[in-house]
PDB file of all heavy atoms in Angstrom:
ATOM      1  N   GLU A   1      17.804  20.467  -2.186  1.00  0.00           N
ATOM      2  CA  GLU A   1      18.433  21.669  -2.739  1.00  0.00           C
ATOM      3  C   GLU A   1      19.845  21.384  -3.248  1.00  0.00           C
ATOM      4  O   GLU A   1      20.277  21.961  -4.251  1.00  0.00           O
ATOM      5  CB  GLU A   1      18.479  22.761  -1.672  1.00  0.00           C
ATOM      6  CG  GLU A   1      17.113  23.307  -1.282  1.00  0.00           C
ATOM      7  CD  GLU A   1      17.182  24.277  -0.115  1.00  0.00           C
ATOM      8  OE1 GLU A   1      18.284  24.408   0.476  1.00  0.00           O
ATOM      9  OE2 GLU A   1      16.144  24.894   0.203  1.00  0.00           O
ATOM     10  N   LYS A   2      20.567  20.492  -2.554  1.00  0.00           N
ATOM     11  CA  LYS A   2      21.961  20.195  -2.911  1.00  0.00           C
ATOM     12  C   LYS A   2      22.087  19.008  -3.859  1.00  0.00           C
ATOM     13  O   LYS A   2      23.185  18.699  -4.319  1.00  0.00           O
ATOM     14  CB  LYS A   2      22.776  19.921  -1.645  1.00  0.00           C
ATOM     15  CG  LYS A   2      22.753  21.041  -0.625  1.00  0.00           C
ATOM     16  CD  LYS A   2      23.479  22.274  -1.116  1.00  0.00           C
ATOM     17  CE  LYS A   2      23.515  23.352  -0.034  1.00  0.00           C
ATOM     18  NZ  LYS A   2      24.251  24.568  -0.478  1.00  0.00           N
ATOM     19  N   GLY A   3      20.977  18.328  -4.154  1.00  0.00           N
ATOM     20  CA  GLY A   3      21.032  17.170  -5.031  1.00  0.00           C
ATOM     21  C   GLY A   3      21.752  15.989  -4.413  1.00  0.00           C
ATOM     22  O   GLY A   3      22.470  15.265  -5.111  1.00  0.00           O
ATOM     23  N   LEU A   4      21.563  15.763  -3.117  1.00  0.00           N
ATOM     24  CA  LEU A   4      22.250  14.693  -2.406  1.00  0.00           C
ATOM     25  C   LEU A   4      21.448  13.403  -2.418  1.00  0.00           C
ATOM     26  O   LEU A   4      20.226  13.418  -2.476  1.00  0.00           O
ATOM     27  CB  LEU A   4      22.501  15.103  -0.951  1.00  0.00           C
ATOM     28  CG  LEU A   4      23.251  16.412  -0.719  1.00  0.00           C
ATOM     29  CD1 LEU A   4      23.406  16.665   0.779  1.00  0.00           C
ATOM     30  CD2 LEU A   4      24.604  16.398  -1.400  1.00  0.00           C
ATOM     31  N   THR A   5      22.156  12.282  -2.338  1.00  0.00           N
ATOM     32  CA  THR A   5      21.508  10.995  -2.168  1.00  0.00           C
ATOM     33  C   THR A   5      20.885  10.953  -0.769  1.00  0.00           C
ATOM     34  O   THR A   5      21.557  11.304   0.204  1.00  0.00           O
ATOM     35  CB  THR A   5      22.527   9.851  -2.306  1.00  0.00           C
ATOM     36  OG1 THR A   5      23.162   9.950  -3.586  1.00  0.00           O
ATOM     37  CG2 THR A   5      21.849   8.495  -2.174  1.00  0.00           C
ATOM     38  N   PRO A   6      19.621  10.557  -0.630  1.00  0.00           N
ATOM     39  CA  PRO A   6      18.967  10.579   0.693  1.00  0.00           C
ATOM     40  C   PRO A   6      19.700   9.726   1.728  1.00  0.00           C
ATOM     41  O   PRO A   6      20.094   8.593   1.459  1.00  0.00           O
ATOM     42  CB  PRO A   6      17.568  10.024   0.406  1.00  0.00           C
ATOM     43  CG  PRO A   6      17.339  10.337  -1.039  1.00  0.00           C
ATOM     44  CD  PRO A   6      18.679  10.184  -1.703  1.00  0.00           C
ATOM     45  N   LEU A   7      19.871  10.284   2.903  1.00  0.00           N
ATOM     46  CA  LEU A   7      20.462   9.581   4.033  1.00  0.00           C
ATOM     47  C   LEU A   7      19.345   8.881   4.800  1.00  0.00           C
ATOM     48  O   LEU A   7      18.386   9.534   5.226  1.00  0.00           O
ATOM     49  CB  LEU A   7      21.182  10.583   4.945  1.00  0.00           C
ATOM     50  CG  LEU A   7      21.808  10.054   6.234  1.00  0.00           C
ATOM     51  CD1 LEU A   7      22.933   9.071   5.917  1.00  0.00           C
ATOM     52  CD2 LEU A   7      22.336  11.217   7.070  1.00  0.00           C
ATOM     53  N   PRO A   8      19.409   7.560   5.005  1.00  0.00           N
ATOM     54  CA  PRO A   8      18.340   6.862   5.730  1.00  0.00           C
ATOM     55  C   PRO A   8      18.193   7.382   7.161  1.00  0.00           C
ATOM     56  O   PRO A   8      19.183   7.497   7.890  1.00  0.00           O
ATOM     57  CB  PRO A   8      18.800   5.402   5.714  1.00  0.00           C
ATOM     58  CG  PRO A   8      19.706   5.298   4.534  1.00  0.00           C
ATOM     59  CD  PRO A   8      20.411   6.614   4.469  1.00  0.00           C
ATOM     60  N   ILE A   9      16.965   7.682   7.556  1.00  0.00           N
ATOM     61  CA  ILE A   9      16.663   8.163   8.903  1.00  0.00           C
ATOM     62  C   ILE A   9      15.596   7.263   9.502  1.00  0.00           C
ATOM     63  O   ILE A   9      14.498   7.135   8.954  1.00  0.00           O
ATOM     64  CB  ILE A   9      16.187   9.618   8.893  1.00  0.00           C
ATOM     65  CG1 ILE A   9      17.288  10.535   8.325  1.00  0.00           C
ATOM     66  CG2 ILE A   9      15.804  10.073  10.300  1.00  0.00           C
ATOM     67  CD1 ILE A   9      16.875  11.995   8.209  1.00  0.00           C
ATOM     68  N   ILE A  10      15.919   6.637  10.627  1.00  0.00           N
ATOM     69  CA  ILE A  10      15.009   5.742  11.321  1.00  0.00           C
ATOM     70  C   ILE A  10      14.526   6.429  12.591  1.00  0.00           C
ATOM     71  O   ILE A  10      15.339   6.827  13.437  1.00  0.00           O
ATOM     72  CB  ILE A  10      15.710   4.418  11.687  1.00  0.00           C
ATOM     73  CG1 ILE A  10      16.258   3.735  10.428  1.00  0.00           C
ATOM     74  CG2 ILE A  10      14.758   3.487  12.432  1.00  0.00           C
ATOM     75  CD1 ILE A  10      17.172   2.552  10.725  1.00  0.00           C
ATOM     76  N   ALA A  11      13.213   6.576  12.731  1.00  0.00           N
ATOM     77  CA  ALA A  11      12.645   7.195  13.923  1.00  0.00           C
ATOM     78  C   ALA A  11      12.699   6.211  15.092  1.00  0.00           C
ATOM     79  O   ALA A  11      12.437   5.021  14.934  1.00  0.00           O
ATOM     80  CB  ALA A  11      11.202   7.616  13.668  1.00  0.00           C
ATOM     81  N   MET A  12      13.054   6.732  16.271  1.00  0.00           N
ATOM     82  CA  MET A  12      13.007   5.945  17.494  1.00  0.00           C
ATOM     83  C   MET A  12      12.250   6.779  18.522  1.00  0.00           C
ATOM     84  O   MET A  12      12.718   7.828  18.946  1.00  0.00           O
ATOM     85  CB  MET A  12      14.413   5.620  18.005  1.00  0.00           C
ATOM     86  CG  MET A  12      15.218   4.755  17.054  1.00  0.00           C
ATOM     87  SD  MET A  12      16.838   4.323  17.716  1.00  0.00           S
ATOM     88  CE  MET A  12      16.365   3.207  19.036  1.00  0.00           C
ATOM     89  N   THR A  13      11.061   6.320  18.898  1.00  0.00           N
ATOM     90  CA  THR A  13      10.223   7.126  19.769  1.00  0.00           C
ATOM     91  C   THR A  13       9.323   6.259  20.616  1.00  0.00           C
ATOM     92  O   THR A  13       9.019   5.119  20.263  1.00  0.00           O
ATOM     93  CB  THR A  13       9.358   8.100  18.936  1.00  0.00           C
ATOM     94  OG1 THR A  13       8.509   8.843  19.795  1.00  0.00           O
ATOM     95  CG2 THR A  13       8.529   7.346  17.910  1.00  0.00           C
ATOM     96  N   ALA A  14       8.893   6.817  21.744  1.00  0.00           N
ATOM     97  CA  ALA A  14       7.960   6.105  22.613  1.00  0.00           C
ATOM     98  C   ALA A  14       6.534   6.181  22.080  1.00  0.00           C
ATOM     99  O   ALA A  14       5.666   5.451  22.530  1.00  0.00           O
ATOM    100  CB  ALA A  14       8.017   6.687  24.029  1.00  0.00           C
ATOM    101  N   ASN A  15       6.293   7.051  21.123  1.00  0.00           N
ATOM    102  CA  ASN A  15       4.953   7.174  20.545  1.00  0.00           C
ATOM    103  C   ASN A  15       4.681   5.998  19.629  1.00  0.00           C
ATOM    104  O   ASN A  15       5.491   5.673  18.772  1.00  0.00           O
ATOM    105  CB  ASN A  15       4.826   8.475  19.755  1.00  0.00           C
ATOM    106  CG  ASN A  15       4.980   9.692  20.653  1.00  0.00           C
ATOM    107  OD1 ASN A  15       4.658   9.642  21.832  1.00  0.00           O
ATOM    108  ND2 ASN A  15       5.481  10.779  20.093  1.00  0.00           N
ATOM    109  N   ALA A  16       3.526   5.365  19.783  1.00  0.00           N
ATOM    110  CA  ALA A  16       3.208   4.173  18.991  1.00  0.00           C
ATOM    111  C   ALA A  16       1.843   4.260  18.321  1.00  0.00           C
ATOM    112  O   ALA A  16       1.350   3.277  17.801  1.00  0.00           O
ATOM    113  CB  ALA A  16       3.273   2.923  19.868  1.00  0.00           C
ATOM    114  N   MET A  17       1.238   5.426  18.341  1.00  0.00           N
ATOM    115  CA  MET A  17      -0.060   5.596  17.712  1.00  0.00           C
ATOM    116  C   MET A  17       0.096   5.679  16.197  1.00  0.00           C
ATOM    117  O   MET A  17       1.130   6.098  15.683  1.00  0.00           O
ATOM    118  CB  MET A  17      -0.744   6.855  18.230  1.00  0.00           C
ATOM    119  CG  MET A  17      -0.943   6.870  19.741  1.00  0.00           C
ATOM    120  SD  MET A  17      -1.995   5.544  20.343  1.00  0.00           S
ATOM    121  CE  MET A  17      -3.580   6.083  19.675  1.00  0.00           C
ATOM    122  N   ALA A  18      -0.963   5.283  15.491  1.00  0.00           N
ATOM    123  CA  ALA A  18      -0.917   5.301  14.025  1.00  0.00           C
ATOM    124  C   ALA A  18      -0.625   6.707  13.502  1.00  0.00           C
ATOM    125  O   ALA A  18       0.109   6.887  12.538  1.00  0.00           O
ATOM    126  CB  ALA A  18      -2.229   4.777  13.455  1.00  0.00           C
ATOM    127  N   GLY A  19      -1.196   7.717  14.146  1.00  0.00           N
ATOM    128  CA  GLY A  19      -0.961   9.086  13.715  1.00  0.00           C
ATOM    129  C   GLY A  19       0.477   9.506  13.871  1.00  0.00           C
ATOM    130  O   GLY A  19       1.004  10.268  13.048  1.00  0.00           O
ATOM    131  N   ASP A  20       1.151   8.996  14.914  1.00  0.00           N
ATOM    132  CA  ASP A  20       2.560   9.319  15.114  1.00  0.00           C
ATOM    133  C   ASP A  20       3.424   8.662  14.042  1.00  0.00           C
ATOM    134  O   ASP A  20       4.395   9.247  13.569  1.00  0.00           O
ATOM    135  CB  ASP A  20       3.011   8.863  16.504  1.00  0.00           C
ATOM    136  CG  ASP A  20       2.313   9.622  17.609  1.00  0.00           C
ATOM    137  OD1 ASP A  20       2.260  10.861  17.529  1.00  0.00           O
ATOM    138  OD2 ASP A  20       1.812   8.981  18.544  1.00  0.00           O
ATOM    139  N   ARG A  21       3.082   7.443  13.663  1.00  0.00           N
ATOM    140  CA  ARG A  21       3.837   6.771  12.606  1.00  0.00           C
ATOM    141  C   ARG A  21       3.701   7.523  11.285  1.00  0.00           C
ATOM    142  O   ARG A  21       4.667   7.693  10.549  1.00  0.00           O
ATOM    143  CB  ARG A  21       3.361   5.316  12.455  1.00  0.00           C
ATOM    144  CG  ARG A  21       3.653   4.473  13.686  1.00  0.00           C
ATOM    145  CD  ARG A  21       3.504   3.003  13.397  1.00  0.00           C
ATOM    146  NE  ARG A  21       2.122   2.634  13.111  1.00  0.00           N
ATOM    147  CZ  ARG A  21       1.250   2.256  14.033  1.00  0.00           C
ATOM    148  NH1 ARG A  21       1.599   2.228  15.303  1.00  0.00           N
ATOM    149  NH2 ARG A  21       0.031   1.909  13.693  1.00  0.00           N
ATOM    150  N   MET A  22       2.493   7.993  10.996  1.00  0.00           N
ATOM    151  CA  MET A  22       2.292   8.761   9.774  1.00  0.00           C
ATOM    152  C   MET A  22       3.035  10.088   9.833  1.00  0.00           C
ATOM    153  O   MET A  22       3.571  10.568   8.834  1.00  0.00           O
ATOM    154  CB  MET A  22       0.802   9.003   9.542  1.00  0.00           C
ATOM    155  CG  MET A  22       0.503   9.719   8.229  1.00  0.00           C
ATOM    156  SD  MET A  22       1.204   8.846   6.771  1.00  0.00           S
ATOM    157  CE  MET A  22       0.295   7.297   6.859  1.00  0.00           C
ATOM    158  N   LYS A  23       3.106  10.671  11.031  1.00  0.00           N
ATOM    159  CA  LYS A  23       3.841  11.915  11.200  1.00  0.00           C
ATOM    160  C   LYS A  23       5.319  11.726  10.874  1.00  0.00           C
ATOM    161  O   LYS A  23       5.954  12.598  10.290  1.00  0.00           O
ATOM    162  CB  LYS A  23       3.673  12.433  12.633  1.00  0.00           C
ATOM    163  CG  LYS A  23       4.244  13.816  12.882  1.00  0.00           C
ATOM    164  CD  LYS A  23       3.931  14.281  14.296  1.00  0.00           C
ATOM    165  CE  LYS A  23       4.497  15.684  14.552  1.00  0.00           C
ATOM    166  NZ  LYS A  23       4.198  16.153  15.935  1.00  0.00           N
ATOM    167  N   CYS A  24       5.864  10.561  11.247  1.00  0.00           N
ATOM    168  CA  CYS A  24       7.257  10.256  10.910  1.00  0.00           C
ATOM    169  C   CYS A  24       7.450  10.183   9.402  1.00  0.00           C
ATOM    170  O   CYS A  24       8.407  10.736   8.847  1.00  0.00           O
ATOM    171  CB  CYS A  24       7.677   8.938  11.563  1.00  0.00           C
ATOM    172  SG  CYS A  24       7.823   8.994  13.362  1.00  0.00           S
ATOM    173  N   LEU A  25       6.558   9.478   8.729  1.00  0.00           N
ATOM    174  CA  LEU A  25       6.647   9.381   7.265  1.00  0.00           C
ATOM    175  C   LEU A  25       6.507  10.740   6.606  1.00  0.00           C
ATOM    176  O   LEU A  25       7.251  11.085   5.687  1.00  0.00           O
ATOM    177  CB  LEU A  25       5.555   8.437   6.737  1.00  0.00           C
ATOM    178  CG  LEU A  25       5.822   6.940   6.837  1.00  0.00           C
ATOM    179  CD1 LEU A  25       4.629   6.173   6.279  1.00  0.00           C
ATOM    180  CD2 LEU A  25       7.089   6.565   6.094  1.00  0.00           C
ATOM    181  N   ASP A  26       5.560  11.525   7.082  1.00  0.00           N
ATOM    182  CA  ASP A  26       5.324  12.842   6.496  1.00  0.00           C
ATOM    183  C   ASP A  26       6.533  13.756   6.673  1.00  0.00           C
ATOM    184  O   ASP A  26       6.781  14.639   5.844  1.00  0.00           O
ATOM    185  CB  ASP A  26       4.086  13.499   7.112  1.00  0.00           C
ATOM    186  CG  ASP A  26       2.787  12.811   6.709  1.00  0.00           C
ATOM    187  OD1 ASP A  26       2.800  12.071   5.705  1.00  0.00           O
ATOM    188  OD2 ASP A  26       1.767  13.009   7.399  1.00  0.00           O
ATOM    189  N   ALA A  27       7.286  13.553   7.753  1.00  0.00           N
ATOM    190  CA  ALA A  27       8.473  14.371   8.001  1.00  0.00           C
ATOM    191  C   ALA A  27       9.645  13.951   7.119  1.00  0.00           C
ATOM    192  O   ALA A  27      10.638  14.677   7.019  1.00  0.00           O
ATOM    193  CB  ALA A  27       8.877  14.283   9.468  1.00  0.00           C
ATOM    194  N   GLY A  28       9.534  12.762   6.478  1.00  0.00           N
ATOM    195  CA  GLY A  28      10.605  12.300   5.602  1.00  0.00           C
ATOM    196  C   GLY A  28      11.432  11.173   6.174  1.00  0.00           C
ATOM    197  O   GLY A  28      12.449  10.797   5.588  1.00  0.00           O
ATOM    198  N   MET A  29      11.017  10.624   7.321  1.00  0.00           N
ATOM    199  CA  MET A  29      11.747   9.486   7.886  1.00  0.00           C
ATOM    200  C   MET A  29      11.451   8.225   7.085  1.00  0.00           C
ATOM    201  O   MET A  29      10.393   8.091   6.480  1.00  0.00           O
ATOM    202  CB  MET A  29      11.371   9.298   9.356  1.00  0.00           C
ATOM    203  CG  MET A  29      11.760  10.478  10.234  1.00  0.00           C
ATOM    204  SD  MET A  29      11.163  10.298  11.930  1.00  0.00           S
ATOM    205  CE  MET A  29      11.781  11.827  12.668  1.00  0.00           C
ATOM    206  N   ASP A  30      12.401   7.296   7.087  1.00  0.00           N
ATOM    207  CA  ASP A  30      12.291   6.102   6.257  1.00  0.00           C
ATOM    208  C   ASP A  30      11.687   4.905   6.986  1.00  0.00           C
ATOM    209  O   ASP A  30      11.120   4.018   6.358  1.00  0.00           O
ATOM    210  CB  ASP A  30      13.679   5.700   5.738  1.00  0.00           C
ATOM    211  CG  ASP A  30      14.297   6.780   4.877  1.00  0.00           C
ATOM    212  OD1 ASP A  30      13.861   6.938   3.731  1.00  0.00           O
ATOM    213  OD2 ASP A  30      15.207   7.478   5.360  1.00  0.00           O
ATOM    214  N   ASP A  31      11.839   4.863   8.293  1.00  0.00           N
ATOM    215  CA  ASP A  31      11.430   3.692   9.050  1.00  0.00           C
ATOM    216  C   ASP A  31      11.119   4.127  10.476  1.00  0.00           C
ATOM    217  O   ASP A  31      11.375   5.279  10.849  1.00  0.00           O
ATOM    218  CB  ASP A  31      12.549   2.634   9.030  1.00  0.00           C
ATOM    219  CG  ASP A  31      12.021   1.211   9.179  1.00  0.00           C
ATOM    220  OD1 ASP A  31      10.850   1.053   9.549  1.00  0.00           O
ATOM    221  OD2 ASP A  31      12.798   0.273   8.931  1.00  0.00           O
ATOM    222  N   TYR A  32      10.587   3.196  11.263  1.00  0.00           N
ATOM    223  CA  TYR A  32      10.083   3.543  12.591  1.00  0.00           C
ATOM    224  C   TYR A  32      10.315   2.389  13.554  1.00  0.00           C
ATOM    225  O   TYR A  32       9.982   1.245  13.244  1.00  0.00           O
ATOM    226  CB  TYR A  32       8.593   3.855  12.485  1.00  0.00           C
ATOM    227  CG  TYR A  32       7.888   4.150  13.780  1.00  0.00           C
ATOM    228  CD1 TYR A  32       7.642   5.448  14.180  1.00  0.00           C
ATOM    229  CD2 TYR A  32       7.431   3.114  14.600  1.00  0.00           C
ATOM    230  CE1 TYR A  32       6.973   5.727  15.359  1.00  0.00           C
ATOM    231  CE2 TYR A  32       6.764   3.380  15.793  1.00  0.00           C
ATOM    232  CZ  TYR A  32       6.537   4.681  16.165  1.00  0.00           C
ATOM    233  OH  TYR A  32       5.880   4.950  17.334  1.00  0.00           O
ATOM    234  N   LEU A  33      10.925   2.680  14.698  1.00  0.00           N
ATOM    235  CA  LEU A  33      11.054   1.712  15.776  1.00  0.00           C
ATOM    236  C   LEU A  33      10.495   2.355  17.032  1.00  0.00           C
ATOM    237  O   LEU A  33      10.924   3.442  17.427  1.00  0.00           O
ATOM    238  CB  LEU A  33      12.527   1.344  16.012  1.00  0.00           C
ATOM    239  CG  LEU A  33      13.216   0.531  14.914  1.00  0.00           C
ATOM    240  CD1 LEU A  33      14.706   0.433  15.202  1.00  0.00           C
ATOM    241  CD2 LEU A  33      12.603  -0.851  14.785  1.00  0.00           C
ATOM    242  N   SER A  34       9.528   1.705  17.663  1.00  0.00           N
ATOM    243  CA  SER A  34       8.950   2.263  18.878  1.00  0.00           C
ATOM    244  C   SER A  34       9.700   1.747  20.096  1.00  0.00           C
ATOM    245  O   SER A  34      10.222   0.634  20.111  1.00  0.00           O
ATOM    246  CB  SER A  34       7.463   1.909  18.966  1.00  0.00           C
ATOM    247  OG  SER A  34       7.291   0.511  19.082  1.00  0.00           O
ATOM    248  N   LYS A  35       9.777   2.587  21.114  1.00  0.00           N
ATOM    249  CA  LYS A  35      10.371   2.195  22.381  1.00  0.00           C
ATOM    250  C   LYS A  35       9.274   1.593  23.266  1.00  0.00           C
ATOM    251  O   LYS A  35       8.171   2.128  23.291  1.00  0.00           O
ATOM    252  CB  LYS A  35      10.983   3.409  23.077  1.00  0.00           C
ATOM    253  CG  LYS A  35      12.112   4.086  22.300  1.00  0.00           C
ATOM    254  CD  LYS A  35      12.580   5.332  23.043  1.00  0.00           C
ATOM    255  CE  LYS A  35      13.629   6.081  22.260  1.00  0.00           C
ATOM    256  NZ  LYS A  35      14.028   7.340  22.934  1.00  0.00           N
ATOM    257  N   PRO A  36       9.586   0.528  24.007  1.00  0.00           N
ATOM    258  CA  PRO A  36      10.854  -0.193  24.105  1.00  0.00           C
ATOM    259  C   PRO A  36      11.250  -0.865  22.784  1.00  0.00           C
ATOM    260  O   PRO A  36      10.394  -1.324  22.045  1.00  0.00           O
ATOM    261  CB  PRO A  36      10.607  -1.235  25.185  1.00  0.00           C
ATOM    262  CG  PRO A  36       9.429  -0.740  25.949  1.00  0.00           C
ATOM    263  CD  PRO A  36       8.580  -0.013  24.939  1.00  0.00           C
TER     264      PRO A  36
END
């Protein structure tokens, strides 16, 4: 809405299932690191 340059967002979560990774992408996150 504001015409801003995208700010990189890296997900950090204990979820490691393929569906969770896709959920991160669908939400607009750029990358994914699983815990640990």
